[in-house]
Amino acid sequence: MVYLTRQEHFNAAHKLYNPKWSQEKNELIFGVCANENWHGHNYDLYVTIKGEPDSETGFLYDVKKLSTLIKEKVIDKLDHKNLNLDVDFMKDQMCSTENLAIAIWQQLAPCLPDSVQLHCIKLYETPRIYVEYFG
């Protein structure tokens, strides 16, 4: 089994806020992330696929195709956007990094050929905070 990872980057704003709670409870639970005027992150995304290399090319999967897929299905929809307001696949969800990683998986997994599988979405919110999702 071979694992191949593509790294991408995007910038996005969001707010962590549960509308069922009071402003005070939101601020208690989410702190500055509940800022009424939003806040942003410089996200680093690592998409890892797995499978066996093709006997004719030696490739697990064409990295240019993987890059294009990630760009079209994820980066173009997230980069310089408000996750709460602008991103269709985050609608009606808490825009946590955990939920975002799951949503990215759901955007990519159905688009990969049968010869490879999505192994991991690793999403850095900051250099010291990241989420890994394995489906």
N, C-alpha and C. Protein backbone atom coordinates (compact mmCIF):
# COMPACT_ATOMS: atom_id res chain seq x y z
N MET A 1 0.85 -1.18 0.00
CA MET A 1 0.00 0.00 0.00
C MET A 1 0.89 1.25 0.00
N VAL A 2 0.61 2.16 -0.91
CA VAL A 2 1.34 3.42 -1.01
C VAL A 2 0.40 4.56 -0.62
N TYR A 3 0.94 5.54 0.09
CA TYR A 3 0.18 6.71 0.50
C TYR A 3 0.77 7.93 -0.19
N LEU A 4 -0.08 8.76 -0.76
CA LEU A 4 0.34 9.96 -1.46
C LEU A 4 -0.42 11.14 -0.87
N THR A 5 0.31 12.19 -0.53
CA THR A 5 -0.31 13.37 0.09
C THR A 5 -0.07 14.60 -0.76
N ARG A 6 -1.13 15.37 -0.92
CA ARG A 6 -1.07 16.66 -1.61
C ARG A 6 -1.40 17.73 -0.57
N GLN A 7 -0.57 18.77 -0.49
CA GLN A 7 -0.81 19.88 0.42
C GLN A 7 -1.38 21.06 -0.35
N GLU A 8 -2.38 21.69 0.23
CA GLU A 8 -2.98 22.90 -0.32
C GLU A 8 -3.14 23.91 0.80
N HIS A 9 -3.49 25.12 0.43
CA HIS A 9 -3.64 26.20 1.41
C HIS A 9 -4.85 27.05 1.02
N PHE A 10 -5.57 27.52 2.03
CA PHE A 10 -6.66 28.48 1.78
C PHE A 10 -6.86 29.35 3.00
N ASN A 11 -7.48 30.49 2.78
CA ASN A 11 -7.80 31.42 3.85
C ASN A 11 -9.32 31.51 3.93
N ALA A 12 -9.85 31.51 5.13
CA ALA A 12 -11.31 31.61 5.27
C ALA A 12 -11.65 32.17 6.64
N ALA A 13 -12.83 32.77 6.69
CA ALA A 13 -13.36 33.31 7.94
C ALA A 13 -14.51 32.43 8.43
N HIS A 14 -14.73 32.47 9.73
CA HIS A 14 -15.89 31.77 10.29
C HIS A 14 -16.19 32.33 11.67
N LYS A 15 -17.28 31.84 12.21
CA LYS A 15 -17.67 32.17 13.57
C LYS A 15 -18.22 30.89 14.18
N LEU A 16 -17.80 30.62 15.40
CA LEU A 16 -18.39 29.50 16.14
C LEU A 16 -19.46 30.09 17.04
N TYR A 17 -20.68 29.71 16.77
CA TYR A 17 -21.81 30.30 17.47
C TYR A 17 -23.00 29.36 17.36
N ASN A 18 -23.57 29.00 18.49
CA ASN A 18 -24.76 28.16 18.50
C ASN A 18 -25.97 29.06 18.72
N PRO A 19 -26.85 29.19 17.72
CA PRO A 19 -27.98 30.11 17.84
C PRO A 19 -28.99 29.71 18.92
N LYS A 20 -28.90 28.49 19.42
CA LYS A 20 -29.79 28.03 20.49
C LYS A 20 -29.35 28.56 21.86
N TRP A 21 -28.13 29.07 21.92
CA TRP A 21 -27.57 29.54 23.17
C TRP A 21 -27.58 31.06 23.23
N SER A 22 -27.45 31.57 24.43
CA SER A 22 -27.31 33.02 24.63
C SER A 22 -25.92 33.47 24.17
N GLN A 23 -25.78 34.77 23.97
CA GLN A 23 -24.47 35.31 23.62
C GLN A 23 -23.45 34.99 24.71
N GLU A 24 -23.89 35.07 25.96
CA GLU A 24 -22.99 34.80 27.08
C GLU A 24 -22.48 33.36 27.05
N LYS A 25 -23.38 32.40 26.79
CA LYS A 25 -22.96 31.00 26.75
C LYS A 25 -22.04 30.75 25.56
N ASN A 26 -22.35 31.34 24.41
CA ASN A 26 -21.47 31.20 23.26
C ASN A 26 -20.08 31.72 23.57
N GLU A 27 -20.00 32.87 24.20
CA GLU A 27 -18.70 33.44 24.54
C GLU A 27 -17.98 32.58 25.58
N LEU A 28 -18.72 31.99 26.50
CA LEU A 28 -18.13 31.12 27.51
C LEU A 28 -17.54 29.86 26.85
N ILE A 29 -18.28 29.26 25.94
CA ILE A 29 -17.84 28.01 25.30
C ILE A 29 -16.81 28.27 24.21
N PHE A 30 -17.06 29.23 23.34
CA PHE A 30 -16.22 29.44 22.15
C PHE A 30 -15.22 30.58 22.28
N GLY A 31 -15.32 31.37 23.34
CA GLY A 31 -14.38 32.47 23.54
C GLY A 31 -14.38 33.44 22.38
N VAL A 32 -13.18 33.87 21.97
CA VAL A 32 -13.08 34.85 20.89
C VAL A 32 -13.55 34.30 19.55
N CYS A 33 -13.68 33.00 19.44
CA CYS A 33 -14.17 32.39 18.19
C CYS A 33 -15.65 32.68 17.96
N ALA A 34 -16.33 33.18 18.98
CA ALA A 34 -17.74 33.57 18.85
C ALA A 34 -17.86 35.05 18.48
N ASN A 35 -16.77 35.67 18.12
CA ASN A 35 -16.76 37.08 17.76
C ASN A 35 -17.86 37.39 16.76
N GLU A 36 -18.68 38.34 17.10
CA GLU A 36 -19.82 38.73 16.26
C GLU A 36 -19.39 39.14 14.85
N ASN A 37 -18.18 39.64 14.72
CA ASN A 37 -17.68 40.12 13.43
C ASN A 37 -16.76 39.12 12.74
N TRP A 38 -16.83 37.85 13.15
CA TRP A 38 -16.08 36.77 12.51
C TRP A 38 -14.60 36.83 12.85
N HIS A 39 -13.88 35.84 12.43
CA HIS A 39 -12.42 35.80 12.52
C HIS A 39 -11.92 34.84 11.45
N GLY A 40 -10.64 34.92 11.11
CA GLY A 40 -10.14 34.13 10.00
C GLY A 40 -8.95 33.27 10.36
N HIS A 41 -8.67 32.31 9.46
CA HIS A 41 -7.53 31.41 9.60
C HIS A 41 -6.85 31.24 8.26
N ASN A 42 -5.58 30.91 8.33
CA ASN A 42 -4.80 30.51 7.17
C ASN A 42 -4.67 28.99 7.27
N TYR A 43 -5.56 28.29 6.60
CA TYR A 43 -5.64 26.83 6.72
C TYR A 43 -4.62 26.15 5.82
N ASP A 44 -4.06 25.06 6.31
CA ASP A 44 -3.25 24.16 5.50
C ASP A 44 -3.97 22.82 5.44
N LEU A 45 -4.18 22.34 4.23
CA LEU A 45 -4.93 21.12 3.99
C LEU A 45 -4.00 20.07 3.40
N TYR A 46 -4.02 18.87 3.99
CA TYR A 46 -3.27 17.74 3.49
C TYR A 46 -4.28 16.65 3.12
N VAL A 47 -4.29 16.27 1.87
CA VAL A 47 -5.18 15.23 1.39
C VAL A 47 -4.32 14.01 1.06
N THR A 48 -4.57 12.90 1.76
CA THR A 48 -3.79 11.68 1.56
C THR A 48 -4.68 10.61 0.94
N ILE A 49 -4.19 10.04 -0.16
CA ILE A 49 -4.88 8.92 -0.81
C ILE A 49 -4.00 7.68 -0.67
N LYS A 50 -4.59 6.51 -0.89
CA LYS A 50 -3.82 5.27 -0.77
C LYS A 50 -4.24 4.29 -1.85
N GLY A 51 -3.34 3.38 -2.16
CA GLY A 51 -3.60 2.34 -3.15
C GLY A 51 -2.29 1.76 -3.62
N GLU A 52 -2.34 1.09 -4.76
CA GLU A 52 -1.15 0.48 -5.35
C GLU A 52 -0.77 1.24 -6.61
N PRO A 53 0.51 1.46 -6.84
CA PRO A 53 0.94 2.17 -8.04
C PRO A 53 0.55 1.40 -9.31
N ASP A 54 0.23 2.16 -10.33
CA ASP A 54 -0.09 1.59 -11.64
C ASP A 54 1.19 0.96 -12.21
N SER A 55 1.07 -0.23 -12.78
CA SER A 55 2.25 -0.94 -13.30
C SER A 55 2.87 -0.24 -14.51
N GLU A 56 2.09 0.52 -15.25
CA GLU A 56 2.61 1.17 -16.45
C GLU A 56 3.19 2.55 -16.18
N THR A 57 2.59 3.30 -15.23
CA THR A 57 3.08 4.66 -14.96
C THR A 57 3.94 4.74 -13.71
N GLY A 58 3.74 3.82 -12.79
CA GLY A 58 4.41 3.90 -11.50
C GLY A 58 3.72 4.84 -10.54
N PHE A 59 2.66 5.48 -11.01
CA PHE A 59 1.91 6.43 -10.18
C PHE A 59 0.80 5.74 -9.41
N LEU A 60 0.58 6.19 -8.18
CA LEU A 60 -0.63 5.83 -7.47
C LEU A 60 -1.81 6.55 -8.13
N TYR A 61 -1.61 7.84 -8.39
CA TYR A 61 -2.62 8.67 -9.05
C TYR A 61 -1.89 9.89 -9.58
N ASP A 62 -2.30 10.39 -10.70
CA ASP A 62 -1.68 11.57 -11.29
C ASP A 62 -1.85 12.76 -10.34
N VAL A 63 -0.74 13.28 -9.84
CA VAL A 63 -0.82 14.37 -8.85
C VAL A 63 -1.41 15.64 -9.44
N LYS A 64 -1.27 15.84 -10.74
CA LYS A 64 -1.89 17.02 -11.36
C LYS A 64 -3.41 16.89 -11.31
N LYS A 65 -3.92 15.68 -11.55
CA LYS A 65 -5.36 15.44 -11.47
C LYS A 65 -5.84 15.60 -10.03
N LEU A 66 -5.05 15.12 -9.08
CA LEU A 66 -5.43 15.26 -7.67
C LEU A 66 -5.48 16.73 -7.29
N SER A 67 -4.49 17.48 -7.72
CA SER A 67 -4.46 18.92 -7.43
C SER A 67 -5.68 19.62 -8.03
N THR A 68 -6.00 19.31 -9.26
CA THR A 68 -7.17 19.91 -9.92
C THR A 68 -8.46 19.55 -9.20
N LEU A 69 -8.58 18.30 -8.80
CA LEU A 69 -9.77 17.85 -8.08
C LEU A 69 -9.94 18.60 -6.77
N ILE A 70 -8.86 18.71 -6.00
CA ILE A 70 -8.91 19.43 -4.72
C ILE A 70 -9.26 20.90 -4.95
N LYS A 71 -8.66 21.49 -5.97
CA LYS A 71 -8.92 22.90 -6.26
C LYS A 71 -10.39 23.11 -6.62
N GLU A 72 -10.92 22.29 -7.52
CA GLU A 72 -12.29 22.49 -7.99
C GLU A 72 -13.34 22.16 -6.93
N LYS A 73 -13.13 21.10 -6.18
CA LYS A 73 -14.14 20.63 -5.23
C LYS A 73 -14.04 21.28 -3.85
N VAL A 74 -12.86 21.81 -3.54
CA VAL A 74 -12.65 22.32 -2.18
C VAL A 74 -12.11 23.75 -2.16
N ILE A 75 -10.91 23.95 -2.67
CA ILE A 75 -10.22 25.23 -2.51
C ILE A 75 -11.02 26.38 -3.12
N ASP A 76 -11.50 26.20 -4.35
CA ASP A 76 -12.27 27.27 -4.99
C ASP A 76 -13.52 27.64 -4.20
N LYS A 77 -14.06 26.71 -3.46
CA LYS A 77 -15.28 26.95 -2.68
C LYS A 77 -14.99 27.55 -1.31
N LEU A 78 -13.75 27.39 -0.82
CA LEU A 78 -13.41 27.83 0.53
C LEU A 78 -12.53 29.07 0.59
N ASP A 79 -11.63 29.22 -0.37
CA ASP A 79 -10.60 30.25 -0.26
C ASP A 79 -11.20 31.65 -0.30
N HIS A 80 -10.84 32.43 0.71
CA HIS A 80 -11.31 33.81 0.89
C HIS A 80 -12.84 33.88 0.98
N LYS A 81 -13.42 32.89 1.65
CA LYS A 81 -14.86 32.85 1.84
C LYS A 81 -15.18 32.87 3.33
N ASN A 82 -16.44 33.16 3.62
CA ASN A 82 -16.97 33.03 4.96
C ASN A 82 -17.60 31.64 5.03
N LEU A 83 -17.04 30.76 5.85
CA LEU A 83 -17.52 29.38 5.91
C LEU A 83 -18.98 29.29 6.32
N ASN A 84 -19.41 30.18 7.19
CA ASN A 84 -20.79 30.15 7.67
C ASN A 84 -21.78 30.61 6.62
N LEU A 85 -21.37 31.53 5.75
CA LEU A 85 -22.32 32.16 4.83
C LEU A 85 -22.15 31.77 3.37
N ASP A 86 -20.94 31.50 2.94
CA ASP A 86 -20.65 31.36 1.52
C ASP A 86 -20.48 29.92 1.01
N VAL A 87 -20.33 28.96 1.89
CA VAL A 87 -19.94 27.61 1.48
C VAL A 87 -21.14 26.67 1.57
N ASP A 88 -21.59 26.22 0.40
CA ASP A 88 -22.81 25.40 0.36
C ASP A 88 -22.69 24.13 1.19
N PHE A 89 -21.54 23.48 1.19
CA PHE A 89 -21.43 22.22 1.91
C PHE A 89 -21.21 22.40 3.42
N MET A 90 -21.17 23.64 3.90
CA MET A 90 -21.12 23.89 5.34
C MET A 90 -22.43 24.47 5.86
N LYS A 91 -23.40 24.59 5.00
CA LYS A 91 -24.70 25.17 5.38
C LYS A 91 -25.33 24.37 6.53
N ASP A 92 -25.84 25.10 7.50
CA ASP A 92 -26.54 24.52 8.66
C ASP A 92 -25.65 23.63 9.52
N GLN A 93 -24.35 23.86 9.48
CA GLN A 93 -23.42 23.12 10.33
C GLN A 93 -22.63 24.09 11.20
N MET A 94 -22.21 23.64 12.34
CA MET A 94 -21.25 24.40 13.13
C MET A 94 -19.95 24.38 12.34
N CYS A 95 -19.37 25.52 12.08
CA CYS A 95 -18.19 25.62 11.21
C CYS A 95 -16.89 25.40 11.98
N SER A 96 -16.84 24.32 12.72
CA SER A 96 -15.60 23.95 13.42
C SER A 96 -14.64 23.32 12.42
N THR A 97 -13.39 23.26 12.80
CA THR A 97 -12.39 22.62 11.94
C THR A 97 -12.70 21.13 11.80
N GLU A 98 -13.23 20.53 12.86
CA GLU A 98 -13.61 19.12 12.80
C GLU A 98 -14.68 18.89 11.72
N ASN A 99 -15.73 19.69 11.76
CA ASN A 99 -16.80 19.54 10.76
C ASN A 99 -16.32 19.90 9.36
N LEU A 100 -15.42 20.85 9.25
CA LEU A 100 -14.90 21.22 7.95
C LEU A 100 -14.09 20.08 7.35
N ALA A 101 -13.28 19.40 8.15
CA ALA A 101 -12.50 18.26 7.66
C ALA A 101 -13.43 17.15 7.14
N ILE A 102 -14.50 16.88 7.87
CA ILE A 102 -15.47 15.86 7.44
C ILE A 102 -16.12 16.28 6.13
N ALA A 103 -16.50 17.55 6.02
CA ALA A 103 -17.15 18.05 4.81
C ALA A 103 -16.21 18.00 3.60
N ILE A 104 -14.94 18.28 3.82
CA ILE A 104 -13.96 18.18 2.73
C ILE A 104 -13.86 16.74 2.26
N TRP A 105 -13.81 15.81 3.19
CA TRP A 105 -13.80 14.38 2.83
C TRP A 105 -15.00 14.05 1.95
N GLN A 106 -16.17 14.52 2.36
CA GLN A 106 -17.39 14.22 1.62
C GLN A 106 -17.39 14.83 0.22
N GLN A 107 -16.66 15.91 0.03
CA GLN A 107 -16.55 16.52 -1.30
C GLN A 107 -15.62 15.72 -2.20
N LEU A 108 -14.57 15.15 -1.63
CA LEU A 108 -13.53 14.50 -2.43
C LEU A 108 -13.74 13.01 -2.65
N ALA A 109 -14.15 12.29 -1.63
CA ALA A 109 -14.20 10.82 -1.71
C ALA A 109 -14.98 10.30 -2.91
N PRO A 110 -16.17 10.83 -3.22
CA PRO A 110 -16.91 10.28 -4.35
C PRO A 110 -16.28 10.57 -5.71
N CYS A 111 -15.33 11.46 -5.77
CA CYS A 111 -14.74 11.89 -7.04
C CYS A 111 -13.47 11.13 -7.42
N LEU A 112 -12.98 10.32 -6.52
CA LEU A 112 -11.75 9.57 -6.80
C LEU A 112 -12.07 8.29 -7.57
N PRO A 113 -11.15 7.85 -8.43
CA PRO A 113 -11.39 6.60 -9.15
C PRO A 113 -11.33 5.39 -8.21
N ASP A 114 -11.88 4.28 -8.66
CA ASP A 114 -11.90 3.07 -7.83
C ASP A 114 -10.51 2.55 -7.49
N SER A 115 -9.50 2.95 -8.25
CA SER A 115 -8.15 2.44 -8.04
C SER A 115 -7.47 3.03 -6.81
N VAL A 116 -8.01 4.12 -6.25
CA VAL A 116 -7.44 4.73 -5.05
C VAL A 116 -8.55 5.01 -4.04
N GLN A 117 -8.14 5.15 -2.80
CA GLN A 117 -9.08 5.49 -1.73
C GLN A 117 -8.57 6.73 -1.00
N LEU A 118 -9.50 7.52 -0.54
CA LEU A 118 -9.13 8.63 0.33
C LEU A 118 -8.74 8.05 1.67
N HIS A 119 -7.58 8.40 2.16
CA HIS A 119 -7.09 7.86 3.43
C HIS A 119 -7.27 8.83 4.59
N CYS A 120 -6.92 10.11 4.35
CA CYS A 120 -6.94 11.07 5.46
C CYS A 120 -7.09 12.49 4.95
N ILE A 121 -7.87 13.25 5.68
CA ILE A 121 -7.90 14.70 5.54
C ILE A 121 -7.26 15.25 6.81
N LYS A 122 -6.19 15.98 6.63
CA LYS A 122 -5.51 16.63 7.76
C LYS A 122 -5.63 18.12 7.52
N LEU A 123 -6.23 18.81 8.45
CA LEU A 123 -6.53 20.22 8.28
C LEU A 123 -5.97 21.02 9.45
N TYR A 124 -4.99 21.88 9.13
CA TYR A 124 -4.40 22.76 10.14
C TYR A 124 -5.19 24.06 10.17
N GLU A 125 -5.71 24.39 11.35
CA GLU A 125 -6.36 25.68 11.56
C GLU A 125 -5.32 26.73 11.92
N THR A 126 -4.35 26.32 12.70
CA THR A 126 -3.19 27.14 13.07
C THR A 126 -1.98 26.21 13.02
N PRO A 127 -0.78 26.75 13.13
CA PRO A 127 0.39 25.85 13.14
C PRO A 127 0.39 24.85 14.29
N ARG A 128 -0.40 25.13 15.35
CA ARG A 128 -0.41 24.24 16.52
C ARG A 128 -1.71 23.47 16.70
N ILE A 129 -2.70 23.70 15.84
CA ILE A 129 -4.00 23.02 15.98
C ILE A 129 -4.38 22.42 14.63
N TYR A 130 -4.59 21.12 14.63
CA TYR A 130 -5.06 20.48 13.41
C TYR A 130 -5.99 19.32 13.73
N VAL A 131 -6.75 18.93 12.73
CA VAL A 131 -7.69 17.83 12.82
C VAL A 131 -7.31 16.81 11.75
N GLU A 132 -7.42 15.53 12.10
CA GLU A 132 -7.27 14.47 11.11
C GLU A 132 -8.56 13.69 11.04
N TYR A 133 -9.01 13.41 9.83
CA TYR A 133 -10.24 12.65 9.64
C TYR A 133 -9.95 11.50 8.67
N PHE A 134 -10.32 10.29 9.08
CA PHE A 134 -10.05 9.09 8.31
C PHE A 134 -11.32 8.44 7.76
N GLY A 135 -12.40 9.21 7.70
CA GLY A 135 -13.64 8.67 7.16
C GLY A 135 -14.35 7.81 8.15
